[in-house]
Amino acid sequence: MEVVEVLHMNKGAGETSYAKNSKVQSKIISITKTVTEEAIIELLCKNFPESMGIADLGCSSGPNTLTVISEIIDIIYSKCSNLGCPTPEFRICLNDLYSNDFNDVFGSLPAFYNKLKEEKGTDFGQCFITGVPGSFYGRLFPRKSMHFVHSSSSLHWLSQVPPGLDRKASTAINKGRIYISKTSPQSVLDSYMLQFQKDFSLFLKSRSHEIVPGGCMVLSFTGRKSMDPTAIESCHQWELLAQALMNMVPEGLIPEEKVDTFNAPYYGPCAEELELEVQKEGSFIMDRLEAFEIDWDGGVDMPNTINGTLSSGQRVAKTIRAVIESMLESHFGRDIMDDLFQRHADLVDKHLAKTRTKYTNLVIHLVRKG
């Protein structure tokens, strides 16, 4: 699977769009706001640039994209106001893969700029926002051009399906599963771990060229507390989706080999794995690393439908669908998507009726060495 070609959040503003189904990600941004604020204030205490480079990696589209940028600007504006000094000019780069809905992002910029002027006044510093398409597993920006880099709900996506597990593999070694599972062979676990190590190391190396000495990053993504990659917090959501797919096989809706040859380009690391890669790459100091939990449905209400309030399973399925439908559609075809996610919603409801499983999210603050 060519991840850069098929991975994108569902576009537009329809019922299955990311714009309508990204409240879990919004909740994560809200929870990590304090870490972002403290990191930026610490940065400004050391270095107060006239022109400040800021990047949001994996920006996606919809309401969350400019919410992040707005919060970052507010933090800097408030600090400058307290100090009685002018705000720097902002060079803001919004990054995501080539297939991201950048048209939606650009279309919302006029209202964003007008709101800045209304809230901050005409003396507010210049703000230049650009889109930077491409994978963050490689260089994106000129050398030493960034002061603060942010990424939320993105770095658990790998650059590719681990070698030996993609659809081109001669033998399916993870049969009936689409990610790491308790019953996956050890070789599957090893392949995923090695791909994560390679990708995260390349991410750190790429950013080390682009961030000024003393600059920093705040990164948050789905991970796990346990060192065991088969822990339920890490992989059970994928197991339920695999079960929904396998339930369609006996009905002739999809061939079993289609399931056997699909593996998600995803890895939820533990804190120890992150620390090890940061130490090995060597360009950054880890200032902070925290874990927090969030309900699968974000613990937030979603709009009522004509048939009443959505169940937790339906909310979870809609959130998952908005994120990964492009990959599933590329492999299984468009026709089964409605059926698949209804089955997935039913399985999630049954699971949550027994136990309230939560996602574990990790947030890390890294400072570029001088």
Protein backbone atom coordinates (compact mmCIF):
# COMPACT_ATOMS: atom_id res chain seq x y z
CA MET A 1 0.00 0.00 0.00
CA GLU A 2 1.38 3.40 -1.04
CA VAL A 3 0.39 5.32 2.08
CA VAL A 4 1.18 8.74 0.65
CA GLU A 5 -1.29 8.07 -2.17
CA VAL A 6 -4.25 6.59 -0.29
CA LEU A 7 -4.17 7.94 3.28
CA HIS A 8 -6.31 11.02 3.78
CA MET A 9 -9.16 11.98 6.05
CA ASN A 10 -12.62 11.91 4.45
CA LYS A 11 -13.10 15.15 2.58
CA GLY A 12 -15.96 17.64 2.45
CA ALA A 13 -18.62 18.23 5.08
CA GLY A 14 -20.90 15.21 4.64
CA GLU A 15 -22.06 12.75 7.32
CA THR A 16 -18.94 10.58 6.96
CA SER A 17 -16.49 13.49 6.60
CA TYR A 18 -13.59 14.14 8.95
CA ALA A 19 -14.92 17.67 9.45
CA LYS A 20 -18.09 16.20 11.01
CA ASN A 21 -16.36 13.33 12.87
CA SER A 22 -13.17 14.65 14.45
CA LYS A 23 -14.31 15.49 17.97
CA VAL A 24 -12.03 12.83 19.47
CA GLN A 25 -9.06 14.56 17.87
CA SER A 26 -10.39 17.92 19.08
CA LYS A 27 -10.56 16.57 22.63
CA ILE A 28 -6.93 15.43 22.38
CA ILE A 29 -5.86 18.90 21.20
CA SER A 30 -7.72 20.43 24.15
CA ILE A 31 -6.10 18.09 26.68
CA THR A 32 -2.59 18.80 25.37
CA LYS A 33 -3.07 22.58 25.14
CA THR A 34 -1.33 23.14 28.49
CA VAL A 35 1.78 21.31 27.28
CA THR A 36 1.78 23.40 24.09
CA GLU A 37 1.38 26.63 26.05
CA GLU A 38 4.20 25.86 28.48
CA ALA A 39 6.51 24.79 25.64
CA ILE A 40 5.93 28.02 23.69
CA ILE A 41 6.39 30.26 26.73
CA GLU A 42 9.61 28.45 27.60
CA LEU A 43 10.78 28.94 24.02
CA LEU A 44 10.00 32.67 24.05
CA CYS A 45 11.85 33.13 27.32
CA LYS A 46 15.02 31.90 25.58
CA ASN A 47 14.55 33.32 22.11
CA PHE A 48 12.17 36.04 20.90
CA PRO A 49 12.46 36.07 17.09
CA GLU A 50 11.17 38.90 14.91
CA SER A 51 9.90 36.31 12.45
CA MET A 52 8.66 33.02 13.89
CA GLY A 53 8.41 29.77 11.94
CA ILE A 54 5.57 27.51 13.08
CA ALA A 55 4.48 24.21 11.55
CA ASP A 56 1.53 21.91 12.13
CA LEU A 57 2.33 18.45 10.78
CA GLY A 58 -0.61 16.28 9.78
CA CYS A 59 -2.92 19.29 9.82
CA SER A 60 -5.77 17.51 7.97
CA SER A 61 -8.82 19.70 7.25
CA GLY A 62 -11.98 20.78 9.00
CA PRO A 63 -12.41 22.75 12.23
CA ASN A 64 -9.39 21.33 14.08
CA THR A 65 -6.82 22.62 11.56
CA LEU A 66 -7.08 26.33 12.24
CA THR A 67 -8.09 25.80 15.89
CA VAL A 68 -4.56 24.58 16.59
CA ILE A 69 -2.99 27.54 14.81
CA SER A 70 -5.35 29.98 16.50
CA GLU A 71 -4.43 28.63 19.94
CA ILE A 72 -0.69 28.89 19.18
CA ILE A 73 -1.10 32.50 18.01
CA ASP A 74 -3.18 33.34 21.10
CA ILE A 75 -0.46 31.99 23.40
CA ILE A 76 2.22 34.07 21.71
CA TYR A 77 0.01 37.19 21.52
CA SER A 78 -0.82 36.95 25.23
CA LYS A 79 2.85 36.58 26.17
CA CYS A 80 3.80 39.59 24.03
CA SER A 81 0.99 41.68 25.52
CA ASN A 82 2.17 40.87 29.04
CA LEU A 83 5.70 41.90 28.13
CA GLY A 84 4.56 45.02 26.31
CA CYS A 85 6.36 44.06 23.11
CA PRO A 86 5.13 43.62 19.54
CA THR A 87 4.21 40.18 18.28
CA PRO A 88 6.57 38.60 15.77
CA GLU A 89 5.48 38.02 12.22
CA PHE A 90 4.15 34.50 11.83
CA ARG A 91 5.32 32.09 9.13
CA ILE A 92 2.84 29.25 9.53
CA CYS A 93 3.17 26.05 7.51
CA LEU A 94 0.31 23.56 7.36
CA ASN A 95 1.52 20.13 6.33
CA ASP A 96 -0.22 16.95 5.32
CA LEU A 97 -0.03 14.33 2.58
CA TYR A 98 -0.68 15.34 -1.03
CA SER A 99 -4.25 14.01 -1.03
CA ASN A 100 -5.31 16.13 1.95
CA ASP A 101 -8.23 18.50 1.37
CA PHE A 102 -6.11 21.66 1.21
CA ASN A 103 -8.87 23.42 -0.77
CA ASP A 104 -11.07 23.28 2.33
CA VAL A 105 -8.23 24.67 4.46
CA PHE A 106 -7.45 27.51 2.05
CA GLY A 107 -11.14 28.34 1.67
CA SER A 108 -11.40 28.98 5.42
CA LEU A 109 -8.41 31.35 5.56
CA PRO A 110 -10.22 34.65 4.73
CA ALA A 111 -12.53 34.23 7.72
CA PHE A 112 -9.54 33.25 9.86
CA TYR A 113 -7.59 36.37 8.88
CA ASN A 114 -10.63 38.61 9.50
CA LYS A 115 -11.11 37.11 12.94
CA LEU A 116 -7.45 37.80 13.78
CA LYS A 117 -7.86 41.47 12.85
CA GLU A 118 -11.09 41.79 14.85
CA GLU A 119 -9.66 40.17 17.98
CA LYS A 120 -6.08 41.43 17.87
CA GLY A 121 -6.37 44.78 16.11
CA THR A 122 -4.66 46.23 13.08
CA ASP A 123 -1.29 46.47 14.87
CA PHE A 124 -1.09 42.71 15.14
CA GLY A 125 1.96 41.27 13.35
CA GLN A 126 1.82 39.85 9.86
CA CYS A 127 0.62 36.25 9.52
CA PHE A 128 1.61 34.24 6.46
CA ILE A 129 -0.03 30.81 6.12
CA THR A 130 1.11 28.31 3.50
CA GLY A 131 0.31 24.68 2.70
CA VAL A 132 3.21 22.25 2.51
CA PRO A 133 2.13 18.90 1.02
CA GLY A 134 4.35 15.89 1.61
CA SER A 135 5.28 13.19 4.09
CA PHE A 136 6.82 14.32 7.38
CA TYR A 137 9.07 11.26 7.13
CA GLY A 138 11.53 13.41 5.22
CA ARG A 139 12.51 17.07 4.81
CA LEU A 140 9.71 19.63 4.42
CA PHE A 141 11.19 23.04 5.28
CA PRO A 142 14.41 25.01 4.73
CA ARG A 143 17.25 24.54 7.18
CA LYS A 144 16.81 26.30 10.56
CA SER A 145 13.53 27.92 9.52
CA MET A 146 11.21 26.56 12.23
CA HIS A 147 10.90 27.64 15.88
CA PHE A 148 7.92 25.58 16.95
CA VAL A 149 6.57 22.36 15.41
CA HIS A 150 3.27 20.81 16.45
CA SER A 151 1.67 17.51 15.50
CA SER A 152 -1.45 15.88 16.89
CA SER A 153 -3.04 12.50 16.09
CA SER A 154 -0.68 11.85 13.18
CA LEU A 155 2.60 10.19 14.15
CA HIS A 156 1.00 6.82 14.84
CA TRP A 157 0.69 6.52 11.04
CA LEU A 158 3.70 4.84 9.47
CA SER A 159 5.28 5.77 6.16
CA GLN A 160 4.35 2.35 4.78
CA VAL A 161 2.99 -1.06 5.68
CA PRO A 162 5.96 -2.97 7.15
CA PRO A 163 7.86 -4.97 4.51
CA GLY A 164 6.57 -8.50 4.20
CA LEU A 165 3.06 -7.51 5.30
CA ASP A 166 1.84 -5.52 2.31
CA ARG A 167 -0.33 -6.86 -0.49
CA LYS A 168 2.76 -7.68 -2.58
CA ALA A 169 4.03 -10.23 -0.03
CA SER A 170 4.20 -13.77 -1.41
CA THR A 171 2.78 -15.26 1.80
CA ALA A 172 0.16 -13.78 4.15
CA ILE A 173 1.63 -14.17 7.64
CA ASN A 174 -1.00 -12.22 9.56
CA LYS A 175 -4.06 -14.12 8.30
CA GLY A 176 -7.45 -12.90 9.44
CA ARG A 177 -5.97 -9.85 11.14
CA ILE A 178 -5.24 -6.32 9.95
CA TYR A 179 -2.84 -5.20 12.68
CA ILE A 180 -0.90 -6.63 15.61
CA SER A 181 -2.98 -9.10 17.59
CA LYS A 182 -2.50 -11.51 20.49
CA THR A 183 -2.45 -14.30 17.92
CA SER A 184 -0.10 -12.60 15.43
CA PRO A 185 3.26 -14.33 14.82
CA GLN A 186 6.27 -12.71 16.50
CA SER A 187 7.57 -11.76 13.04
CA VAL A 188 4.56 -9.43 12.63
CA LEU A 189 5.30 -7.67 15.92
CA ASP A 190 8.97 -7.33 14.96
CA SER A 191 8.14 -5.92 11.52
CA TYR A 192 5.88 -3.24 12.96
CA MET A 193 8.38 -2.26 15.65
CA LEU A 194 11.25 -1.99 13.16
CA GLN A 195 9.16 0.13 10.79
CA PHE A 196 8.25 2.49 13.64
CA GLN A 197 11.89 2.79 14.71
CA LYS A 198 12.96 3.61 11.16
CA ASP A 199 10.17 6.14 10.63
CA PHE A 200 10.41 7.98 13.94
CA SER A 201 14.19 8.21 13.67
CA LEU A 202 13.83 9.71 10.18
CA PHE A 203 11.19 12.12 11.47
CA LEU A 204 13.53 13.35 14.22
CA LYS A 205 16.50 13.63 11.87
CA SER A 206 14.44 15.62 9.32
CA ARG A 207 13.17 18.05 11.96
CA SER A 208 16.66 18.45 13.43
CA HIS A 209 17.73 20.15 10.19
CA GLU A 210 14.68 22.42 10.08
CA ILE A 211 14.32 23.60 13.70
CA VAL A 212 16.58 26.33 15.07
CA PRO A 213 18.76 25.49 18.11
CA GLY A 214 16.54 25.90 21.15
CA GLY A 215 13.39 25.47 19.07
CA CYS A 216 10.96 22.78 20.08
CA MET A 217 8.23 20.31 19.15
CA VAL A 218 5.06 19.16 20.89
CA LEU A 219 3.89 15.84 19.48
CA SER A 220 0.84 13.85 20.57
CA PHE A 221 -0.34 10.54 19.19
CA THR A 222 -2.03 7.30 20.05
CA GLY A 223 0.25 4.93 21.92
CA ARG A 224 0.14 2.59 24.88
CA LYS A 225 1.21 2.40 28.53
CA SER A 226 2.22 -1.25 28.37
CA MET A 227 5.45 -2.37 26.72
CA ASP A 228 3.42 -5.23 25.21
CA PRO A 229 2.29 -4.21 21.67
CA THR A 230 -0.55 -6.75 21.86
CA ALA A 231 -2.13 -5.01 24.88
CA ILE A 232 -5.86 -4.41 24.47
CA GLU A 233 -5.42 -0.61 24.68
CA SER A 234 -3.21 -0.75 21.62
CA CYS A 235 -4.81 -3.17 19.23
CA HIS A 236 -8.36 -4.13 20.21
CA GLN A 237 -9.99 -1.46 18.04
CA TRP A 238 -8.23 -3.01 15.04
CA GLU A 239 -9.30 -6.51 16.12
CA LEU A 240 -12.94 -5.45 16.12
CA LEU A 241 -12.59 -4.00 12.63
CA ALA A 242 -10.88 -7.20 11.45
CA GLN A 243 -13.75 -9.21 12.95
CA ALA A 244 -16.27 -7.07 11.07
CA LEU A 245 -14.38 -7.77 7.83
CA MET A 246 -14.10 -11.50 8.52
CA ASN A 247 -17.83 -11.68 9.25
CA MET A 248 -18.42 -10.55 5.67
CA VAL A 249 -16.33 -13.38 4.19
CA PRO A 250 -18.82 -16.26 4.66
CA GLU A 251 -21.52 -14.12 3.05
CA GLY A 252 -19.41 -13.75 -0.07
CA LEU A 253 -19.13 -9.99 0.30
CA ILE A 254 -15.33 -10.02 0.28
CA PRO A 255 -12.80 -12.81 -0.37
CA GLU A 256 -10.81 -13.95 2.66
CA GLU A 257 -7.49 -13.32 0.92
CA LYS A 258 -8.42 -9.63 0.76
CA VAL A 259 -8.45 -9.51 4.56
CA ASP A 260 -5.26 -11.55 4.79
CA THR A 261 -3.38 -9.09 2.59
CA PHE A 262 -4.49 -5.89 4.33
CA ASN A 263 -2.37 -4.60 7.23
CA ALA A 264 -2.69 -1.12 8.65
CA PRO A 265 0.27 1.30 8.30
CA TYR A 266 -0.03 2.15 11.98
CA TYR A 267 1.91 1.68 15.21
CA GLY A 268 1.04 2.83 18.73
CA PRO A 269 4.36 3.01 20.63
CA CYS A 270 4.99 3.00 24.37
CA ALA A 271 6.93 5.70 26.23
CA GLU A 272 10.07 3.55 26.47
CA GLU A 273 10.20 3.15 22.68
CA LEU A 274 9.91 6.91 22.18
CA GLU A 275 12.64 7.66 24.71
CA LEU A 276 14.97 5.14 23.10
CA GLU A 277 14.59 6.60 19.60
CA VAL A 278 15.05 10.17 20.87
CA GLN A 279 18.25 9.14 22.64
CA LYS A 280 19.54 7.18 19.64
CA GLU A 281 18.92 10.00 17.14
CA GLY A 282 20.51 12.49 19.53
CA SER A 283 19.35 15.89 18.21
CA PHE A 284 16.68 16.61 20.84
CA ILE A 285 16.33 16.81 24.60
CA MET A 286 13.16 15.27 26.00
CA ASP A 287 11.66 17.89 28.30
CA ARG A 288 8.36 16.15 28.95
CA LEU A 289 6.57 12.89 28.20
CA GLU A 290 3.10 12.18 29.53
CA ALA A 291 0.32 9.67 28.90
CA PHE A 292 -3.40 10.28 29.20
CA GLU A 293 -6.51 8.28 28.43
CA ILE A 294 -9.54 9.21 26.36
CA ASP A 295 -12.78 7.34 25.69
CA TRP A 296 -13.07 5.71 22.29
CA ASP A 297 -15.91 8.09 21.46
CA GLY A 298 -14.07 11.03 23.03
CA GLY A 299 -16.58 11.25 25.84
CA VAL A 300 -18.46 13.85 23.83
CA ASP A 301 -21.89 13.95 22.29
CA MET A 302 -22.35 13.87 18.56
CA PRO A 303 -25.35 15.34 16.74
CA ASN A 304 -28.66 13.50 16.91
CA THR A 305 -29.84 11.73 13.78
CA ILE A 306 -33.42 11.52 12.57
CA ASN A 307 -33.59 8.23 14.46
CA GLY A 308 -32.30 9.66 17.73
CA THR A 309 -28.95 9.90 19.48
CA LEU A 310 -26.08 7.85 18.07
CA SER A 311 -24.86 4.94 20.18
CA SER A 312 -21.25 4.88 21.42
CA GLY A 313 -20.48 2.22 18.82
CA GLN A 314 -21.88 4.37 16.03
CA ARG A 315 -19.89 7.40 17.21
CA VAL A 316 -16.70 5.33 17.34
CA ALA A 317 -17.34 3.79 13.92
CA LYS A 318 -18.00 7.19 12.34
CA THR A 319 -14.78 8.57 13.82
CA ILE A 320 -12.74 5.60 12.61
CA ARG A 321 -14.39 5.68 9.20
CA ALA A 322 -13.56 9.35 8.69
CA VAL A 323 -9.88 8.54 9.21
CA ILE A 324 -9.24 5.20 7.49
CA GLU A 325 -11.97 4.79 4.89
CA SER A 326 -9.66 5.92 2.08
CA MET A 327 -7.28 3.04 2.79
CA LEU A 328 -10.02 0.44 3.18
CA GLU A 329 -11.79 1.62 0.04
CA SER A 330 -8.57 1.37 -1.93
CA HIS A 331 -8.20 -2.28 -0.91
CA PHE A 332 -11.74 -3.62 -0.52
CA GLY A 333 -13.76 -1.30 -2.77
CA ARG A 334 -16.36 1.35 -2.02
CA ASP A 335 -19.47 -0.83 -2.08
CA ILE A 336 -18.96 -2.52 1.30
CA MET A 337 -18.16 0.57 3.37
CA ASP A 338 -21.63 1.29 4.78
CA ASP A 339 -22.18 -2.36 5.69
CA LEU A 340 -18.69 -2.73 7.15
CA PHE A 341 -18.95 0.22 9.50
CA GLN A 342 -22.45 -0.73 10.64
CA ARG A 343 -21.06 -4.14 11.61
CA HIS A 344 -18.11 -2.44 13.25
CA ALA A 345 -20.43 -0.16 15.24
CA ASP A 346 -22.40 -3.18 16.48
CA LEU A 347 -19.23 -4.94 17.61
CA VAL A 348 -17.99 -1.81 19.39
CA ASP A 349 -21.32 -1.44 21.21
CA LYS A 350 -21.11 -5.05 22.40
CA HIS A 351 -17.52 -4.56 23.56
CA LEU A 352 -18.20 -1.29 25.39
CA ALA A 353 -21.18 -2.85 27.14
CA LYS A 354 -18.72 -5.19 28.87
CA THR A 355 -15.73 -2.89 29.44
CA ARG A 356 -15.02 0.81 28.92
CA THR A 357 -11.78 0.50 26.96
CA LYS A 358 -9.91 3.76 26.41
CA TYR A 359 -7.27 5.00 24.03
CA THR A 360 -3.89 5.84 25.51
CA ASN A 361 -2.36 9.00 24.07
CA LEU A 362 1.21 10.15 24.51
CA VAL A 363 2.34 13.77 24.41
CA ILE A 364 6.01 14.63 24.17
CA HIS A 365 7.89 17.96 24.33
CA LEU A 366 11.27 17.91 22.61
CA VAL A 367 13.81 20.75 22.52
CA ARG A 368 16.40 21.05 19.75
CA LYS A 369 19.89 20.91 21.15
CA GLY A 370 22.02 24.03 20.73
